[in-house]
Amino acid sequence: MSHKDPTQKVSGIILWTNNLENLRNFYEQLLGLKPHSIRDKFIAYKWGDLRFSIGTHSKIEGANCDPYRIMINFDTTDIQSVFETLTMNKVECIRKPELEHWGGTVATFRDPDGNIIQFLQQPKSRC
């Protein structure tokens, strides 16, 4: 008898907030995400194969009290441009773009709710 692995891949991430418009402005205006689906209290975006969503939730108030519990990684092809755009717009930078031992570059920021987001520029292929 064969068992299929019930977990295939991560299909999406949802950030809950009590200030949807603030997060929406951040992710759309500063990061350039385009909404895939908009509802009254929920907005879904596509980031590659991942569905990234934000929405309001009755149990959420204010900023994230434990932002180091989870970090969301977004791939980018131009980390320097992302860094310049976010710092120019006074987004809190936790870590400036830095080359990692695996060959890629990482930069880390906080979104308006205090969630930690990282940008990864993958290493160039050696072909």
N, C-alpha and C. Protein backbone atom coordinates (compact mmCIF):
# COMPACT_ATOMS: atom_id res chain seq x y z
N MET A 1 0.84 -1.16 0.00
CA MET A 1 0.00 0.00 0.00
C MET A 1 0.90 1.24 0.00
N SER A 2 0.61 2.18 -0.88
CA SER A 2 1.43 3.38 -0.95
C SER A 2 0.70 4.55 -0.30
N HIS A 3 1.44 5.33 0.43
CA HIS A 3 0.90 6.53 1.07
C HIS A 3 1.40 7.75 0.31
N LYS A 4 0.50 8.58 -0.07
CA LYS A 4 0.89 9.84 -0.67
C LYS A 4 1.16 10.84 0.43
N ASP A 5 2.17 11.65 0.24
CA ASP A 5 2.46 12.72 1.19
C ASP A 5 1.33 13.75 1.09
N PRO A 6 0.61 13.99 2.20
CA PRO A 6 -0.52 14.93 2.13
C PRO A 6 -0.07 16.38 1.97
N THR A 7 1.18 16.68 2.26
CA THR A 7 1.67 18.04 2.10
C THR A 7 2.49 18.13 0.82
N GLN A 8 2.01 18.89 -0.12
CA GLN A 8 2.66 18.99 -1.43
C GLN A 8 3.58 20.21 -1.51
N LYS A 9 3.08 21.36 -1.05
CA LYS A 9 3.86 22.59 -1.09
C LYS A 9 3.11 23.65 -0.28
N VAL A 10 3.78 24.73 0.01
CA VAL A 10 3.11 25.87 0.63
C VAL A 10 2.41 26.61 -0.50
N SER A 11 1.11 26.78 -0.38
CA SER A 11 0.38 27.44 -1.46
C SER A 11 0.09 28.90 -1.16
N GLY A 12 0.19 29.28 0.12
CA GLY A 12 -0.08 30.68 0.42
C GLY A 12 0.23 31.07 1.84
N ILE A 13 0.27 32.37 2.04
CA ILE A 13 0.51 32.98 3.34
C ILE A 13 -0.53 34.07 3.52
N ILE A 14 -1.10 34.16 4.72
CA ILE A 14 -2.04 35.23 5.02
C ILE A 14 -1.49 36.03 6.20
N LEU A 15 -1.42 37.34 6.04
CA LEU A 15 -1.10 38.23 7.14
C LEU A 15 -2.40 38.88 7.59
N TRP A 16 -2.73 38.70 8.86
CA TRP A 16 -3.94 39.31 9.40
C TRP A 16 -3.58 40.64 10.04
N THR A 17 -4.49 41.58 9.96
CA THR A 17 -4.25 42.94 10.45
C THR A 17 -5.54 43.56 10.94
N ASN A 18 -5.43 44.67 11.64
CA ASN A 18 -6.61 45.47 11.94
C ASN A 18 -6.59 46.76 11.12
N ASN A 19 -5.58 46.91 10.25
CA ASN A 19 -5.48 48.09 9.39
C ASN A 19 -5.16 47.65 7.97
N LEU A 20 -6.17 47.13 7.31
CA LEU A 20 -5.99 46.58 5.96
C LEU A 20 -5.47 47.62 4.97
N GLU A 21 -5.99 48.82 5.03
CA GLU A 21 -5.59 49.84 4.07
C GLU A 21 -4.11 50.19 4.20
N ASN A 22 -3.60 50.22 5.42
CA ASN A 22 -2.18 50.51 5.65
C ASN A 22 -1.30 49.42 5.04
N LEU A 23 -1.64 48.15 5.30
CA LEU A 23 -0.85 47.06 4.71
C LEU A 23 -1.01 47.04 3.19
N ARG A 24 -2.21 47.29 2.72
CA ARG A 24 -2.45 47.30 1.27
C ARG A 24 -1.57 48.34 0.59
N ASN A 25 -1.52 49.54 1.15
CA ASN A 25 -0.67 50.58 0.57
C ASN A 25 0.79 50.15 0.54
N PHE A 26 1.25 49.55 1.62
CA PHE A 26 2.64 49.10 1.69
C PHE A 26 2.93 48.07 0.60
N TYR A 27 2.15 47.00 0.56
CA TYR A 27 2.44 45.92 -0.37
C TYR A 27 2.18 46.30 -1.83
N GLU A 28 1.25 47.18 -2.08
CA GLU A 28 0.98 47.59 -3.46
C GLU A 28 1.84 48.77 -3.89
N GLN A 29 1.89 49.82 -3.08
CA GLN A 29 2.61 51.03 -3.48
C GLN A 29 4.12 50.85 -3.42
N LEU A 30 4.62 50.23 -2.36
CA LEU A 30 6.07 50.12 -2.20
C LEU A 30 6.66 48.86 -2.83
N LEU A 31 5.92 47.76 -2.77
CA LEU A 31 6.47 46.52 -3.31
C LEU A 31 5.93 46.20 -4.70
N GLY A 32 4.92 46.92 -5.14
CA GLY A 32 4.41 46.74 -6.49
C GLY A 32 3.56 45.51 -6.70
N LEU A 33 3.05 44.90 -5.63
CA LEU A 33 2.18 43.74 -5.81
C LEU A 33 0.87 44.18 -6.44
N LYS A 34 0.36 43.37 -7.32
CA LYS A 34 -0.92 43.64 -7.99
C LYS A 34 -1.95 42.68 -7.41
N PRO A 35 -3.10 43.22 -6.97
CA PRO A 35 -4.13 42.34 -6.41
C PRO A 35 -4.63 41.32 -7.43
N HIS A 36 -4.78 40.10 -6.96
CA HIS A 36 -5.35 39.02 -7.76
C HIS A 36 -6.84 38.93 -7.49
N SER A 37 -7.22 39.21 -6.23
CA SER A 37 -8.61 39.13 -5.81
C SER A 37 -8.81 40.13 -4.68
N ILE A 38 -9.85 40.95 -4.77
CA ILE A 38 -10.15 41.94 -3.73
C ILE A 38 -11.56 41.71 -3.22
N ARG A 39 -11.64 41.55 -1.91
CA ARG A 39 -12.93 41.48 -1.24
C ARG A 39 -12.95 42.56 -0.16
N ASP A 40 -14.06 42.74 0.47
CA ASP A 40 -14.22 43.81 1.45
C ASP A 40 -13.12 43.82 2.51
N LYS A 41 -12.78 42.68 3.07
CA LYS A 41 -11.81 42.61 4.16
C LYS A 41 -10.66 41.66 3.88
N PHE A 42 -10.39 41.43 2.59
CA PHE A 42 -9.36 40.44 2.24
C PHE A 42 -8.84 40.73 0.82
N ILE A 43 -7.53 40.74 0.67
CA ILE A 43 -6.91 40.98 -0.64
C ILE A 43 -5.88 39.88 -0.87
N ALA A 44 -5.94 39.26 -2.03
CA ALA A 44 -4.99 38.21 -2.40
C ALA A 44 -4.11 38.72 -3.53
N TYR A 45 -2.83 38.36 -3.44
CA TYR A 45 -1.85 38.70 -4.46
C TYR A 45 -1.18 37.41 -4.91
N LYS A 46 -0.58 37.44 -6.08
CA LYS A 46 0.26 36.33 -6.52
C LYS A 46 1.70 36.80 -6.54
N TRP A 47 2.58 36.01 -5.95
CA TRP A 47 4.01 36.28 -5.97
C TRP A 47 4.62 34.99 -6.50
N GLY A 48 4.84 34.94 -7.79
CA GLY A 48 5.27 33.69 -8.41
C GLY A 48 4.16 32.66 -8.26
N ASP A 49 4.50 31.48 -7.74
CA ASP A 49 3.52 30.42 -7.53
C ASP A 49 2.80 30.54 -6.18
N LEU A 50 3.21 31.49 -5.36
CA LEU A 50 2.66 31.63 -4.02
C LEU A 50 1.50 32.62 -4.01
N ARG A 51 0.50 32.30 -3.25
CA ARG A 51 -0.60 33.24 -3.03
C ARG A 51 -0.33 33.93 -1.69
N PHE A 52 -0.13 35.22 -1.74
CA PHE A 52 0.15 36.04 -0.57
C PHE A 52 -1.06 36.92 -0.33
N SER A 53 -1.64 36.85 0.87
CA SER A 53 -2.89 37.57 1.14
C SER A 53 -2.79 38.37 2.43
N ILE A 54 -3.59 39.43 2.48
CA ILE A 54 -3.74 40.22 3.69
C ILE A 54 -5.23 40.38 3.96
N GLY A 55 -5.58 40.43 5.24
CA GLY A 55 -7.00 40.57 5.56
C GLY A 55 -7.18 41.02 6.99
N THR A 56 -8.39 41.49 7.29
CA THR A 56 -8.68 41.89 8.67
C THR A 56 -9.20 40.67 9.44
N HIS A 57 -8.90 40.67 10.72
CA HIS A 57 -9.30 39.57 11.60
C HIS A 57 -9.72 40.15 12.93
N SER A 58 -10.81 39.69 13.46
CA SER A 58 -11.37 40.24 14.69
C SER A 58 -10.48 40.03 15.91
N LYS A 59 -9.55 39.09 15.87
CA LYS A 59 -8.70 38.80 17.02
C LYS A 59 -7.35 39.53 16.95
N ILE A 60 -7.15 40.36 15.92
CA ILE A 60 -5.88 41.06 15.74
C ILE A 60 -6.05 42.53 16.11
N GLU A 61 -5.12 43.02 16.94
CA GLU A 61 -5.10 44.44 17.29
C GLU A 61 -3.66 44.92 17.24
N GLY A 62 -3.43 46.04 16.56
CA GLY A 62 -2.12 46.68 16.56
C GLY A 62 -1.03 45.88 15.87
N ALA A 63 0.21 46.25 16.20
CA ALA A 63 1.39 45.65 15.58
C ALA A 63 1.62 44.22 16.07
N ASN A 64 2.39 43.48 15.31
CA ASN A 64 2.77 42.12 15.66
C ASN A 64 3.64 42.15 16.91
N CYS A 65 3.21 41.46 17.96
CA CYS A 65 3.94 41.45 19.24
C CYS A 65 5.13 40.50 19.24
N ASP A 66 5.20 39.60 18.27
CA ASP A 66 6.27 38.60 18.23
C ASP A 66 6.76 38.45 16.79
N PRO A 67 7.30 39.53 16.20
CA PRO A 67 7.62 39.51 14.77
C PRO A 67 8.74 38.56 14.36
N TYR A 68 9.53 38.07 15.30
CA TYR A 68 10.61 37.16 14.92
C TYR A 68 10.15 35.71 14.80
N ARG A 69 8.88 35.46 15.13
CA ARG A 69 8.37 34.09 15.06
C ARG A 69 8.35 33.56 13.63
N ILE A 70 8.05 34.42 12.69
CA ILE A 70 8.00 34.01 11.29
C ILE A 70 8.53 35.14 10.42
N MET A 71 9.26 34.79 9.37
CA MET A 71 9.73 35.77 8.41
C MET A 71 9.25 35.33 7.03
N ILE A 72 8.76 36.27 6.28
CA ILE A 72 8.31 35.97 4.93
C ILE A 72 9.43 36.36 3.98
N ASN A 73 9.81 35.44 3.12
CA ASN A 73 10.87 35.69 2.13
C ASN A 73 10.26 35.92 0.77
N PHE A 74 10.62 37.03 0.16
CA PHE A 74 10.21 37.34 -1.20
C PHE A 74 11.44 37.35 -2.09
N ASP A 75 11.41 36.57 -3.17
CA ASP A 75 12.50 36.63 -4.15
C ASP A 75 12.41 37.92 -4.94
N THR A 76 13.55 38.45 -5.30
CA THR A 76 13.63 39.63 -6.15
C THR A 76 14.82 39.47 -7.08
N THR A 77 14.74 40.12 -8.21
CA THR A 77 15.87 40.10 -9.14
C THR A 77 16.75 41.33 -8.97
N ASP A 78 16.30 42.30 -8.15
CA ASP A 78 17.07 43.53 -7.95
C ASP A 78 16.94 44.00 -6.50
N ILE A 79 17.70 43.38 -5.63
CA ILE A 79 17.60 43.66 -4.20
C ILE A 79 18.02 45.09 -3.87
N GLN A 80 18.96 45.63 -4.62
CA GLN A 80 19.41 47.00 -4.36
C GLN A 80 18.28 48.00 -4.62
N SER A 81 17.52 47.77 -5.67
CA SER A 81 16.40 48.64 -5.99
C SER A 81 15.32 48.56 -4.90
N VAL A 82 15.02 47.35 -4.44
CA VAL A 82 14.05 47.17 -3.35
C VAL A 82 14.54 47.90 -2.11
N PHE A 83 15.81 47.73 -1.78
CA PHE A 83 16.39 48.38 -0.61
C PHE A 83 16.27 49.90 -0.72
N GLU A 84 16.63 50.46 -1.85
CA GLU A 84 16.57 51.91 -2.03
C GLU A 84 15.14 52.44 -1.95
N THR A 85 14.19 51.73 -2.58
CA THR A 85 12.79 52.16 -2.54
C THR A 85 12.26 52.16 -1.11
N LEU A 86 12.52 51.09 -0.38
CA LEU A 86 11.98 50.98 0.97
C LEU A 86 12.64 51.97 1.93
N THR A 87 13.96 52.11 1.87
CA THR A 87 14.62 53.05 2.78
C THR A 87 14.25 54.49 2.44
N MET A 88 14.09 54.80 1.16
CA MET A 88 13.67 56.14 0.75
C MET A 88 12.27 56.47 1.30
N ASN A 89 11.45 55.44 1.47
CA ASN A 89 10.10 55.61 2.00
C ASN A 89 10.03 55.36 3.51
N LYS A 90 11.18 55.40 4.15
CA LYS A 90 11.29 55.32 5.62
C LYS A 90 10.77 54.01 6.22
N VAL A 91 10.86 52.93 5.45
CA VAL A 91 10.52 51.61 5.97
C VAL A 91 11.69 51.14 6.83
N GLU A 92 11.40 50.62 8.02
CA GLU A 92 12.45 50.21 8.94
C GLU A 92 13.27 49.05 8.36
N CYS A 93 14.55 49.29 8.21
CA CYS A 93 15.47 48.27 7.71
C CYS A 93 16.13 47.59 8.91
N ILE A 94 16.05 46.28 8.96
CA ILE A 94 16.68 45.51 10.03
C ILE A 94 18.06 45.04 9.57
N ARG A 95 18.18 44.75 8.28
CA ARG A 95 19.44 44.24 7.74
C ARG A 95 19.59 44.74 6.31
N LYS A 96 20.65 45.47 6.06
CA LYS A 96 20.94 45.96 4.71
C LYS A 96 21.31 44.77 3.82
N PRO A 97 21.21 44.94 2.49
CA PRO A 97 21.57 43.83 1.60
C PRO A 97 22.97 43.30 1.91
N GLU A 98 23.03 42.00 2.08
CA GLU A 98 24.27 41.36 2.47
C GLU A 98 24.42 40.02 1.74
N LEU A 99 25.60 39.78 1.22
CA LEU A 99 25.90 38.53 0.52
C LEU A 99 25.96 37.39 1.54
N GLU A 100 25.27 36.31 1.24
CA GLU A 100 25.23 35.13 2.10
C GLU A 100 26.23 34.08 1.63
N HIS A 101 26.56 33.16 2.51
CA HIS A 101 27.52 32.09 2.19
C HIS A 101 27.03 31.21 1.03
N TRP A 102 25.72 31.15 0.78
CA TRP A 102 25.16 30.31 -0.28
C TRP A 102 25.14 31.04 -1.62
N GLY A 103 25.64 32.29 -1.64
CA GLY A 103 25.81 33.01 -2.90
C GLY A 103 24.74 34.03 -3.22
N GLY A 104 23.64 34.03 -2.47
CA GLY A 104 22.58 35.01 -2.70
C GLY A 104 22.73 36.21 -1.77
N THR A 105 21.87 37.19 -1.96
CA THR A 105 21.90 38.40 -1.14
C THR A 105 20.56 38.53 -0.40
N VAL A 106 20.63 38.96 0.86
CA VAL A 106 19.44 39.07 1.72
C VAL A 106 19.36 40.48 2.30
N ALA A 107 18.14 41.03 2.34
CA ALA A 107 17.86 42.28 3.05
C ALA A 107 16.58 42.07 3.84
N THR A 108 16.50 42.67 5.03
CA THR A 108 15.37 42.43 5.94
C THR A 108 14.74 43.74 6.40
N PHE A 109 13.40 43.77 6.39
CA PHE A 109 12.63 44.96 6.76
C PHE A 109 11.45 44.58 7.64
N ARG A 110 10.77 45.61 8.17
CA ARG A 110 9.50 45.43 8.88
C ARG A 110 8.40 46.09 8.04
N ASP A 111 7.25 45.41 7.92
CA ASP A 111 6.11 46.04 7.26
C ASP A 111 5.40 46.93 8.28
N PRO A 112 4.34 47.65 7.91
CA PRO A 112 3.69 48.57 8.84
C PRO A 112 3.13 47.93 10.11
N ASP A 113 2.84 46.64 10.09
CA ASP A 113 2.35 45.95 11.28
C ASP A 113 3.48 45.35 12.11
N GLY A 114 4.72 45.55 11.68
CA GLY A 114 5.86 45.01 12.41
C GLY A 114 6.28 43.63 11.97
N ASN A 115 5.58 43.04 10.98
CA ASN A 115 5.97 41.73 10.47
C ASN A 115 7.33 41.84 9.78
N ILE A 116 8.16 40.85 9.97
CA ILE A 116 9.48 40.87 9.35
C ILE A 116 9.39 40.21 7.98
N ILE A 117 9.89 40.94 6.99
CA ILE A 117 9.92 40.41 5.63
C ILE A 117 11.36 40.51 5.12
N GLN A 118 11.76 39.48 4.41
CA GLN A 118 13.10 39.44 3.83
C GLN A 118 12.98 39.37 2.32
N PHE A 119 13.95 39.97 1.68
CA PHE A 119 14.07 39.90 0.24
C PHE A 119 15.32 39.12 -0.09
N LEU A 120 15.16 38.18 -1.02
CA LEU A 120 16.28 37.32 -1.41
C LEU A 120 16.55 37.52 -2.90
N GLN A 121 17.79 37.80 -3.21
CA GLN A 121 18.21 37.79 -4.60
C GLN A 121 19.05 36.54 -4.75
N GLN A 122 18.54 35.61 -5.54
CA GLN A 122 19.20 34.32 -5.70
C GLN A 122 20.53 34.49 -6.43
N PRO A 123 21.48 33.59 -6.19
CA PRO A 123 22.78 33.70 -6.86
C PRO A 123 22.62 33.52 -8.37
N LYS A 124 23.49 34.18 -9.11
CA LYS A 124 23.49 34.01 -10.55
C LYS A 124 23.98 32.62 -10.89
N SER A 125 23.38 32.03 -11.91
CA SER A 125 23.82 30.68 -12.31
C SER A 125 25.22 30.79 -12.92
N ARG A 126 25.94 29.72 -12.82
CA ARG A 126 27.35 29.73 -13.27
C ARG A 126 27.52 29.11 -14.65
N CYS A 127 26.46 29.07 -15.43
CA CYS A 127 26.54 28.45 -16.76
C CYS A 127 27.08 29.42 -17.78
